Amino acid sequence: MLTLFGVLTALPAVLALHLLEPELVLPAFSLALFAEAVFAVIAARLIHVPDNTEDITLWDLAGGFTLIGCAAAMFGEPDQAALFLSEQSGPRPASRQ
């Protein structure tokens, strides 16, 4: 489980570093980890594991993904991401005064 957690955490980070602008890496990484947390919760609900297990469970993975996703969202700068997305929408028509 620990290897799975490591791979699923590192894979979105590596992809984001190579595919996105530097200012968009942390917001994209955060969204990817939140999505992974959702999938881990769904899998944990479908796979019933006894509550007294001492191993790492899917619930632990979901919590780890959420924690790291929150940290990435806090360290990201939303102003640069919003500026980048607004520039991609094309030129705005001039307002009439």
PDB file of N, CA and C in Angstrom:
ATOM      1  N   MET A   1       0.819  -1.195   0.000  1.00  0.00           N
ATOM      2  CA  MET A   1       0.000   0.000   0.000  1.00  0.00           C
ATOM      3  C   MET A   1       0.866   1.263   0.000  1.00  0.00           C
ATOM      4  N   LEU A   2       1.967   1.195   0.707  1.00  0.00           N
ATOM      5  CA  LEU A   2       2.840   2.366   0.769  1.00  0.00           C
ATOM      6  C   LEU A   2       3.465   2.669  -0.593  1.00  0.00           C
ATOM      7  N   THR A   3       3.810   1.629  -1.330  1.00  0.00           N
ATOM      8  CA  THR A   3       4.343   1.815  -2.685  1.00  0.00           C
ATOM      9  C   THR A   3       3.282   2.403  -3.601  1.00  0.00           C
ATOM     10  N   LEU A   4       2.056   1.920  -3.492  1.00  0.00           N
ATOM     11  CA  LEU A   4       0.948   2.456  -4.284  1.00  0.00           C
ATOM     12  C   LEU A   4       0.734   3.928  -3.970  1.00  0.00           C
ATOM     13  N   PHE A   5       0.774   4.277  -2.687  1.00  0.00           N
ATOM     14  CA  PHE A   5       0.620   5.676  -2.289  1.00  0.00           C
ATOM     15  C   PHE A   5       1.723   6.548  -2.881  1.00  0.00           C
ATOM     16  N   GLY A   6       2.951   6.056  -2.831  1.00  0.00           N
ATOM     17  CA  GLY A   6       4.078   6.816  -3.371  1.00  0.00           C
ATOM     18  C   GLY A   6       3.972   7.032  -4.872  1.00  0.00           C
ATOM     19  N   VAL A   7       3.590   5.988  -5.587  1.00  0.00           N
ATOM     20  CA  VAL A   7       3.464   6.094  -7.041  1.00  0.00           C
ATOM     21  C   VAL A   7       2.321   7.027  -7.414  1.00  0.00           C
ATOM     22  N   LEU A   8       1.174   6.883  -6.739  1.00  0.00           N
ATOM     23  CA  LEU A   8       0.018   7.725  -7.065  1.00  0.00           C
ATOM     24  C   LEU A   8       0.208   9.176  -6.637  1.00  0.00           C
ATOM     25  N   THR A   9       1.129   9.433  -5.733  1.00  0.00           N
ATOM     26  CA  THR A   9       1.429  10.807  -5.354  1.00  0.00           C
ATOM     27  C   THR A   9       2.461  11.423  -6.287  1.00  0.00           C
ATOM     28  N   ALA A  10       3.465  10.650  -6.670  1.00  0.00           N
ATOM     29  CA  ALA A  10       4.542  11.182  -7.507  1.00  0.00           C
ATOM     30  C   ALA A  10       4.140  11.322  -8.973  1.00  0.00           C
ATOM     31  N   LEU A  11       3.309  10.429  -9.471  1.00  0.00           N
ATOM     32  CA  LEU A  11       2.939  10.452 -10.882  1.00  0.00           C
ATOM     33  C   LEU A  11       2.274  11.767 -11.313  1.00  0.00           C
ATOM     34  N   PRO A  12       1.250  12.274 -10.594  1.00  0.00           N
ATOM     35  CA  PRO A  12       0.675  13.566 -11.006  1.00  0.00           C
ATOM     36  C   PRO A  12       1.673  14.718 -10.912  1.00  0.00           C
ATOM     37  N   ALA A  13       2.572  14.669  -9.932  1.00  0.00           N
ATOM     38  CA  ALA A  13       3.556  15.742  -9.793  1.00  0.00           C
ATOM     39  C   ALA A  13       4.506  15.770 -10.982  1.00  0.00           C
ATOM     40  N   VAL A  14       4.980  14.614 -11.398  1.00  0.00           N
ATOM     41  CA  VAL A  14       5.901  14.543 -12.535  1.00  0.00           C
ATOM     42  C   VAL A  14       5.200  14.972 -13.823  1.00  0.00           C
ATOM     43  N   LEU A  15       3.979  14.508 -14.013  1.00  0.00           N
ATOM     44  CA  LEU A  15       3.231  14.904 -15.213  1.00  0.00           C
ATOM     45  C   LEU A  15       2.961  16.398 -15.230  1.00  0.00           C
ATOM     46  N   ALA A  16       2.590  16.957 -14.083  1.00  0.00           N
ATOM     47  CA  ALA A  16       2.301  18.391 -14.024  1.00  0.00           C
ATOM     48  C   ALA A  16       3.556  19.216 -14.290  1.00  0.00           C
ATOM     49  N   LEU A  17       4.694  18.771 -13.783  1.00  0.00           N
ATOM     50  CA  LEU A  17       5.938  19.513 -14.012  1.00  0.00           C
ATOM     51  C   LEU A  17       6.310  19.557 -15.485  1.00  0.00           C
ATOM     52  N   HIS A  18       6.035  18.499 -16.221  1.00  0.00           N
ATOM     53  CA  HIS A  18       6.429  18.441 -17.624  1.00  0.00           C
ATOM     54  C   HIS A  18       5.381  19.020 -18.570  1.00  0.00           C
ATOM     55  N   LEU A  19       4.122  19.060 -18.173  1.00  0.00           N
ATOM     56  CA  LEU A  19       3.071  19.463 -19.096  1.00  0.00           C
ATOM     57  C   LEU A  19       2.534  20.876 -18.878  1.00  0.00           C
ATOM     58  N   LEU A  20       2.733  21.449 -17.694  1.00  0.00           N
ATOM     59  CA  LEU A  20       2.107  22.729 -17.374  1.00  0.00           C
ATOM     60  C   LEU A  20       3.132  23.824 -17.130  1.00  0.00           C
ATOM     61  N   GLU A  21       2.644  25.045 -17.160  1.00  0.00           N
ATOM     62  CA  GLU A  21       3.452  26.202 -16.795  1.00  0.00           C
ATOM     63  C   GLU A  21       3.790  26.097 -15.304  1.00  0.00           C
ATOM     64  N   PRO A  22       4.922  26.641 -14.880  1.00  0.00           N
ATOM     65  CA  PRO A  22       5.337  26.502 -13.473  1.00  0.00           C
ATOM     66  C   PRO A  22       4.316  27.014 -12.460  1.00  0.00           C
ATOM     67  N   GLU A  23       3.612  28.089 -12.776  1.00  0.00           N
ATOM     68  CA  GLU A  23       2.663  28.633 -11.811  1.00  0.00           C
ATOM     69  C   GLU A  23       1.386  27.797 -11.693  1.00  0.00           C
ATOM     70  N   LEU A  24       1.151  26.884 -12.629  1.00  0.00           N
ATOM     71  CA  LEU A  24      -0.045  26.047 -12.580  1.00  0.00           C
ATOM     72  C   LEU A  24       0.207  24.660 -12.004  1.00  0.00           C
ATOM     73  N   VAL A  25       1.446  24.354 -11.665  1.00  0.00           N
ATOM     74  CA  VAL A  25       1.777  22.998 -11.199  1.00  0.00           C
ATOM     75  C   VAL A  25       1.081  22.687  -9.879  1.00  0.00           C
ATOM     76  N   LEU A  26       1.169  23.563  -8.891  1.00  0.00           N
ATOM     77  CA  LEU A  26       0.575  23.272  -7.590  1.00  0.00           C
ATOM     78  C   LEU A  26      -0.947  23.194  -7.630  1.00  0.00           C
ATOM     79  N   PRO A  27      -1.664  24.120  -8.307  1.00  0.00           N
ATOM     80  CA  PRO A  27      -3.119  23.940  -8.382  1.00  0.00           C
ATOM     81  C   PRO A  27      -3.525  22.649  -9.104  1.00  0.00           C
ATOM     82  N   ALA A  28      -2.822  22.288 -10.163  1.00  0.00           N
ATOM     83  CA  ALA A  28      -3.153  21.050 -10.872  1.00  0.00           C
ATOM     84  C   ALA A  28      -2.821  19.830 -10.018  1.00  0.00           C
ATOM     85  N   PHE A  29      -1.715  19.868  -9.304  1.00  0.00           N
ATOM     86  CA  PHE A  29      -1.332  18.778  -8.416  1.00  0.00           C
ATOM     87  C   PHE A  29      -2.364  18.610  -7.307  1.00  0.00           C
ATOM     88  N   SER A  30      -2.855  19.730  -6.785  1.00  0.00           N
ATOM     89  CA  SER A  30      -3.876  19.691  -5.747  1.00  0.00           C
ATOM     90  C   SER A  30      -5.157  19.038  -6.253  1.00  0.00           C
ATOM     91  N   LEU A  31      -5.601  19.431  -7.429  1.00  0.00           N
ATOM     92  CA  LEU A  31      -6.821  18.836  -7.997  1.00  0.00           C
ATOM     93  C   LEU A  31      -6.643  17.346  -8.273  1.00  0.00           C
ATOM     94  N   ALA A  32      -5.479  16.958  -8.756  1.00  0.00           N
ATOM     95  CA  ALA A  32      -5.231  15.541  -9.020  1.00  0.00           C
ATOM     96  C   ALA A  32      -5.257  14.729  -7.730  1.00  0.00           C
ATOM     97  N   LEU A  33      -4.695  15.265  -6.669  1.00  0.00           N
ATOM     98  CA  LEU A  33      -4.699  14.541  -5.397  1.00  0.00           C
ATOM     99  C   LEU A  33      -6.091  14.468  -4.788  1.00  0.00           C
ATOM    100  N   PHE A  34      -6.895  15.515  -4.944  1.00  0.00           N
ATOM    101  CA  PHE A  34      -8.275  15.443  -4.464  1.00  0.00           C
ATOM    102  C   PHE A  34      -9.066  14.389  -5.237  1.00  0.00           C
ATOM    103  N   ALA A  35      -8.812  14.293  -6.542  1.00  0.00           N
ATOM    104  CA  ALA A  35      -9.479  13.261  -7.343  1.00  0.00           C
ATOM    105  C   ALA A  35      -9.043  11.861  -6.900  1.00  0.00           C
ATOM    106  N   GLU A  36      -7.752  11.702  -6.618  1.00  0.00           N
ATOM    107  CA  GLU A  36      -7.271  10.412  -6.126  1.00  0.00           C
ATOM    108  C   GLU A  36      -7.871  10.080  -4.770  1.00  0.00           C
ATOM    109  N   ALA A  37      -8.070  11.086  -3.927  1.00  0.00           N
ATOM    110  CA  ALA A  37      -8.693  10.856  -2.622  1.00  0.00           C
ATOM    111  C   ALA A  37     -10.128  10.377  -2.792  1.00  0.00           C
ATOM    112  N   VAL A  38     -10.838  10.951  -3.761  1.00  0.00           N
ATOM    113  CA  VAL A  38     -12.209  10.510  -4.024  1.00  0.00           C
ATOM    114  C   VAL A  38     -12.232   9.056  -4.470  1.00  0.00           C
ATOM    115  N   PHE A  39     -11.335   8.682  -5.366  1.00  0.00           N
ATOM    116  CA  PHE A  39     -11.279   7.287  -5.818  1.00  0.00           C
ATOM    117  C   PHE A  39     -10.890   6.347  -4.678  1.00  0.00           C
ATOM    118  N   ALA A  40     -10.001   6.785  -3.803  1.00  0.00           N
ATOM    119  CA  ALA A  40      -9.610   5.950  -2.661  1.00  0.00           C
ATOM    120  C   ALA A  40     -10.775   5.759  -1.699  1.00  0.00           C
ATOM    121  N   VAL A  41     -11.577   6.795  -1.499  1.00  0.00           N
ATOM    122  CA  VAL A  41     -12.750   6.678  -0.629  1.00  0.00           C
ATOM    123  C   VAL A  41     -13.779   5.732  -1.243  1.00  0.00           C
ATOM    124  N   ILE A  42     -14.010   5.846  -2.531  1.00  0.00           N
ATOM    125  CA  ILE A  42     -14.958   4.947  -3.199  1.00  0.00           C
ATOM    126  C   ILE A  42     -14.481   3.503  -3.089  1.00  0.00           C
ATOM    127  N   ALA A  43     -13.194   3.279  -3.319  1.00  0.00           N
ATOM    128  CA  ALA A  43     -12.657   1.927  -3.209  1.00  0.00           C
ATOM    129  C   ALA A  43     -12.734   1.425  -1.771  1.00  0.00           C
ATOM    130  N   ALA A  44     -12.492   2.289  -0.795  1.00  0.00           N
ATOM    131  CA  ALA A  44     -12.569   1.888   0.609  1.00  0.00           C
ATOM    132  C   ALA A  44     -13.989   1.531   1.007  1.00  0.00           C
ATOM    133  N   ARG A  45     -14.963   2.235   0.444  1.00  0.00           N
ATOM    134  CA  ARG A  45     -16.364   1.908   0.738  1.00  0.00           C
ATOM    135  C   ARG A  45     -16.770   0.581   0.120  1.00  0.00           C
ATOM    136  N   LEU A  46     -16.218   0.263  -1.044  1.00  0.00           N
ATOM    137  CA  LEU A  46     -16.563  -0.986  -1.713  1.00  0.00           C
ATOM    138  C   LEU A  46     -15.848  -2.194  -1.114  1.00  0.00           C
ATOM    139  N   ILE A  47     -14.624  -1.983  -0.627  1.00  0.00           N
ATOM    140  CA  ILE A  47     -13.839  -3.060  -0.033  1.00  0.00           C
ATOM    141  C   ILE A  47     -13.937  -2.919   1.483  1.00  0.00           C
ATOM    142  N   HIS A  48     -14.581  -3.854   2.110  1.00  0.00           N
ATOM    143  CA  HIS A  48     -14.763  -3.789   3.571  1.00  0.00           C
ATOM    144  C   HIS A  48     -13.591  -4.453   4.262  1.00  0.00           C
ATOM    145  N   VAL A  49     -12.886  -3.667   5.081  1.00  0.00           N
ATOM    146  CA  VAL A  49     -11.735  -4.149   5.838  1.00  0.00           C
ATOM    147  C   VAL A  49     -12.086  -4.022   7.317  1.00  0.00           C
ATOM    148  N   PRO A  50     -11.724  -4.991   8.140  1.00  0.00           N
ATOM    149  CA  PRO A  50     -12.010  -4.873   9.578  1.00  0.00           C
ATOM    150  C   PRO A  50     -11.395  -3.607  10.175  1.00  0.00           C
ATOM    151  N   ASP A  51     -12.072  -3.044  11.163  1.00  0.00           N
ATOM    152  CA  ASP A  51     -11.618  -1.790  11.774  1.00  0.00           C
ATOM    153  C   ASP A  51     -10.360  -1.954  12.618  1.00  0.00           C
ATOM    154  N   ASN A  52     -10.048  -3.166  13.046  1.00  0.00           N
ATOM    155  CA  ASN A  52      -8.916  -3.353  13.933  1.00  0.00           C
ATOM    156  C   ASN A  52      -7.628  -3.709  13.198  1.00  0.00           C
ATOM    157  N   THR A  53      -7.568  -3.488  11.908  1.00  0.00           N
ATOM    158  CA  THR A  53      -6.362  -3.798  11.154  1.00  0.00           C
ATOM    159  C   THR A  53      -5.243  -2.819  11.487  1.00  0.00           C
ATOM    160  N   GLU A  54      -4.025  -3.316  11.526  1.00  0.00           N
ATOM    161  CA  GLU A  54      -2.865  -2.483  11.858  1.00  0.00           C
ATOM    162  C   GLU A  54      -2.105  -2.031  10.619  1.00  0.00           C
ATOM    163  N   ASP A  55      -2.519  -2.493   9.459  1.00  0.00           N
ATOM    164  CA  ASP A  55      -1.863  -2.102   8.208  1.00  0.00           C
ATOM    165  C   ASP A  55      -2.442  -0.791   7.698  1.00  0.00           C
ATOM    166  N   ILE A  56      -1.798  -0.244   6.692  1.00  0.00           N
ATOM    167  CA  ILE A  56      -2.308   0.958   6.034  1.00  0.00           C
ATOM    168  C   ILE A  56      -3.507   0.555   5.186  1.00  0.00           C
ATOM    169  N   THR A  57      -4.605   1.285   5.325  1.00  0.00           N
ATOM    170  CA  THR A  57      -5.821   0.971   4.581  1.00  0.00           C
ATOM    171  C   THR A  57      -6.068   2.031   3.517  1.00  0.00           C
ATOM    172  N   LEU A  58      -7.084   1.812   2.715  1.00  0.00           N
ATOM    173  CA  LEU A  58      -7.455   2.802   1.699  1.00  0.00           C
ATOM    174  C   LEU A  58      -7.938   4.105   2.332  1.00  0.00           C
ATOM    175  N   TRP A  59      -8.505   4.013   3.534  1.00  0.00           N
ATOM    176  CA  TRP A  59      -8.908   5.233   4.232  1.00  0.00           C
ATOM    177  C   TRP A  59      -7.684   6.073   4.592  1.00  0.00           C
ATOM    178  N   ASP A  60      -6.600   5.424   4.954  1.00  0.00           N
ATOM    179  CA  ASP A  60      -5.356   6.148   5.235  1.00  0.00           C
ATOM    180  C   ASP A  60      -4.819   6.820   3.976  1.00  0.00           C
ATOM    181  N   LEU A  61      -4.903   6.112   2.855  1.00  0.00           N
ATOM    182  CA  LEU A  61      -4.461   6.702   1.585  1.00  0.00           C
ATOM    183  C   LEU A  61      -5.307   7.918   1.224  1.00  0.00           C
ATOM    184  N   ALA A  62      -6.615   7.809   1.411  1.00  0.00           N
ATOM    185  CA  ALA A  62      -7.504   8.938   1.101  1.00  0.00           C
ATOM    186  C   ALA A  62      -7.153  10.144   1.973  1.00  0.00           C
ATOM    187  N   GLY A  63      -6.878   9.897   3.239  1.00  0.00           N
ATOM    188  CA  GLY A  63      -6.485  10.990   4.127  1.00  0.00           C
ATOM    189  C   GLY A  63      -5.159  11.609   3.725  1.00  0.00           C
ATOM    190  N   GLY A  64      -4.206  10.775   3.317  1.00  0.00           N
ATOM    191  CA  GLY A  64      -2.911  11.289   2.868  1.00  0.00           C
ATOM    192  C   GLY A  64      -3.028  12.119   1.602  1.00  0.00           C
ATOM    193  N   PHE A  65      -3.824  11.635   0.642  1.00  0.00           N
ATOM    194  CA  PHE A  65      -4.036  12.394  -0.590  1.00  0.00           C
ATOM    195  C   PHE A  65      -4.685  13.740  -0.286  1.00  0.00           C
ATOM    196  N   THR A  66      -5.668  13.743   0.610  1.00  0.00           N
ATOM    197  CA  THR A  66      -6.348  14.990   0.959  1.00  0.00           C
ATOM    198  C   THR A  66      -5.402  15.959   1.651  1.00  0.00           C
ATOM    199  N   LEU A  67      -4.607  15.464   2.566  1.00  0.00           N
ATOM    200  CA  LEU A  67      -3.658  16.315   3.294  1.00  0.00           C
ATOM    201  C   LEU A  67      -2.645  16.946   2.348  1.00  0.00           C
ATOM    202  N   ILE A  68      -2.069  16.156   1.463  1.00  0.00           N
ATOM    203  CA  ILE A  68      -1.078  16.692   0.529  1.00  0.00           C
ATOM    204  C   ILE A  68      -1.752  17.634  -0.479  1.00  0.00           C
ATOM    205  N   GLY A  69      -2.979  17.308  -0.890  1.00  0.00           N
ATOM    206  CA  GLY A  69      -3.714  18.191  -1.802  1.00  0.00           C
ATOM    207  C   GLY A  69      -4.013  19.539  -1.175  1.00  0.00           C
ATOM    208  N   CYS A  70      -4.373  19.547   0.107  1.00  0.00           N
ATOM    209  CA  CYS A  70      -4.611  20.814   0.804  1.00  0.00           C
ATOM    210  C   CYS A  70      -3.326  21.626   0.917  1.00  0.00           C
ATOM    211  N   ALA A  71      -2.219  20.958   1.197  1.00  0.00           N
ATOM    212  CA  ALA A  71      -0.936  21.662   1.299  1.00  0.00           C
ATOM    213  C   ALA A  71      -0.548  22.269  -0.050  1.00  0.00           C
ATOM    214  N   ALA A  72      -0.737  21.522  -1.134  1.00  0.00           N
ATOM    215  CA  ALA A  72      -0.411  22.051  -2.460  1.00  0.00           C
ATOM    216  C   ALA A  72      -1.310  23.232  -2.806  1.00  0.00           C
ATOM    217  N   ALA A  73      -2.571  23.168  -2.417  1.00  0.00           N
ATOM    218  CA  ALA A  73      -3.481  24.289  -2.690  1.00  0.00           C
ATOM    219  C   ALA A  73      -3.085  25.524  -1.898  1.00  0.00           C
ATOM    220  N   MET A  74      -2.610  25.341  -0.671  1.00  0.00           N
ATOM    221  CA  MET A  74      -2.210  26.496   0.143  1.00  0.00           C
ATOM    222  C   MET A  74      -0.947  27.159  -0.396  1.00  0.00           C
ATOM    223  N   PHE A  75      -0.017  26.367  -0.916  1.00  0.00           N
ATOM    224  CA  PHE A  75       1.236  26.930  -1.403  1.00  0.00           C
ATOM    225  C   PHE A  75       1.118  27.487  -2.819  1.00  0.00           C
ATOM    226  N   GLY A  76       0.091  27.130  -3.547  1.00  0.00           N
ATOM    227  CA  GLY A  76      -0.102  27.644  -4.898  1.00  0.00           C
ATOM    228  C   GLY A  76      -0.569  29.086  -4.874  1.00  0.00           C
ATOM    229  N   GLU A  77      -0.315  29.791  -5.954  1.00  0.00           N
ATOM    230  CA  GLU A  77      -0.728  31.186  -6.061  1.00  0.00           C
ATOM    231  C   GLU A  77      -1.893  31.275  -7.051  1.00  0.00           C
ATOM    232  N   PRO A  78      -3.110  31.468  -6.567  1.00  0.00           N
ATOM    233  CA  PRO A  78      -4.270  31.474  -7.457  1.00  0.00           C
ATOM    234  C   PRO A  78      -4.312  32.671  -8.401  1.00  0.00           C
ATOM    235  N   ASP A  79      -3.656  33.770  -8.037  1.00  0.00           N
ATOM    236  CA  ASP A  79      -3.670  34.947  -8.909  1.00  0.00           C
ATOM    237  C   ASP A  79      -2.994  34.659 -10.245  1.00  0.00           C
ATOM    238  N   GLN A  80      -1.870  33.955 -10.213  1.00  0.00           N
ATOM    239  CA  GLN A  80      -1.177  33.649 -11.462  1.00  0.00           C
ATOM    240  C   GLN A  80      -1.971  32.652 -12.300  1.00  0.00           C
ATOM    241  N   ALA A  81      -2.606  31.693 -11.656  1.00  0.00           N
ATOM    242  CA  ALA A  81      -3.423  30.724 -12.390  1.00  0.00           C
ATOM    243  C   ALA A  81      -4.613  31.420 -13.041  1.00  0.00           C
ATOM    244  N   ALA A  82      -5.264  32.336 -12.325  1.00  0.00           N
ATOM    245  CA  ALA A  82      -6.398  33.066 -12.888  1.00  0.00           C
ATOM    246  C   ALA A  82      -5.952  33.962 -14.044  1.00  0.00           C
ATOM    247  N   LEU A  83      -4.792  34.600 -13.909  1.00  0.00           N
ATOM    248  CA  LEU A  83      -4.260  35.443 -14.982  1.00  0.00           C
ATOM    249  C   LEU A  83      -3.966  34.612 -16.219  1.00  0.00           C
ATOM    250  N   PHE A  84      -3.358  33.443 -16.035  1.00  0.00           N
ATOM    251  CA  PHE A  84      -3.040  32.572 -17.163  1.00  0.00           C
ATOM    252  C   PHE A  84      -4.315  32.113 -17.876  1.00  0.00           C
ATOM    253  N   LEU A  85      -5.324  31.731 -17.128  1.00  0.00           N
ATOM    254  CA  LEU A  85      -6.566  31.254 -17.742  1.00  0.00           C
ATOM    255  C   LEU A  85      -7.327  32.379 -18.430  1.00  0.00           C
ATOM    256  N   SER A  86      -7.263  33.599 -17.894  1.00  0.00           N
ATOM    257  CA  SER A  86      -7.964  34.713 -18.540  1.00  0.00           C
ATOM    258  C   SER A  86      -7.263  35.121 -19.834  1.00  0.00           C
ATOM    259  N   GLU A  87      -5.936  34.970 -19.917  1.00  0.00           N
ATOM    260  CA  GLU A  87      -5.219  35.285 -21.149  1.00  0.00           C
ATOM    261  C   GLU A  87      -5.530  34.276 -22.244  1.00  0.00           C
ATOM    262  N   GLN A  88      -5.833  33.048 -21.886  1.00  0.00           N
ATOM    263  CA  GLN A  88      -6.114  32.010 -22.869  1.00  0.00           C
ATOM    264  C   GLN A  88      -7.486  32.172 -23.509  1.00  0.00           C
ATOM    265  N   SER A  89      -8.364  32.954 -22.909  1.00  0.00           N
ATOM    266  CA  SER A  89      -9.712  33.088 -23.452  1.00  0.00           C
ATOM    267  C   SER A  89      -9.772  34.008 -24.669  1.00  0.00           C
ATOM    268  N   GLY A  90      -8.691  34.674 -24.996  1.00  0.00           N
ATOM    269  CA  GLY A  90      -8.658  35.527 -26.179  1.00  0.00           C
ATOM    270  C   GLY A  90      -8.906  36.981 -25.826  1.00  0.00           C
ATOM    271  N   PRO A  91      -8.768  37.843 -26.810  1.00  0.00           N
ATOM    272  CA  PRO A  91      -8.961  39.283 -26.550  1.00  0.00           C
ATOM    273  C   PRO A  91     -10.426  39.590 -26.269  1.00  0.00           C
ATOM    274  N   ARG A  92     -10.631  40.500 -25.368  1.00  0.00           N
ATOM    275  CA  ARG A  92     -11.986  40.933 -25.027  1.00  0.00           C
ATOM    276  C   ARG A  92     -12.364  42.112 -25.912  1.00  0.00           C
ATOM    277  N   PRO A  93     -13.620  42.187 -26.277  1.00  0.00           N
ATOM    278  CA  PRO A  93     -14.028  43.347 -27.075  1.00  0.00           C
ATOM    279  C   PRO A  93     -13.956  44.623 -26.230  1.00  0.00           C
ATOM    280  N   ALA A  94     -13.661  45.719 -26.900  1.00  0.00           N
ATOM    281  CA  ALA A  94     -13.549  47.001 -26.210  1.00  0.00           C
ATOM    282  C   ALA A  94     -14.925  47.418 -25.707  1.00  0.00           C
ATOM    283  N   SER A  95     -14.965  47.938 -24.501  1.00  0.00           N
ATOM    284  CA  SER A  95     -16.244  48.375 -23.929  1.00  0.00           C
ATOM    285  C   SER A  95     -16.596  49.745 -24.485  1.00  0.00           C
ATOM    286  N   ARG A  96     -17.874  49.947 -24.693  1.00  0.00           N
ATOM    287  CA  ARG A  96     -18.344  51.237 -25.219  1.00  0.00           C
ATOM    288  C   ARG A  96     -18.671  52.156 -24.065  1.00  0.00           C
ATOM    289  N   GLN A  97     -18.161  53.383 -24.161  1.00  0.00           N
ATOM    290  CA  GLN A  97     -18.423  54.335 -23.082  1.00  0.00           C
ATOM    291  C   GLN A  97     -19.158  55.517 -23.589  1.00  0.00           C
TER     292      GLN A  97
END
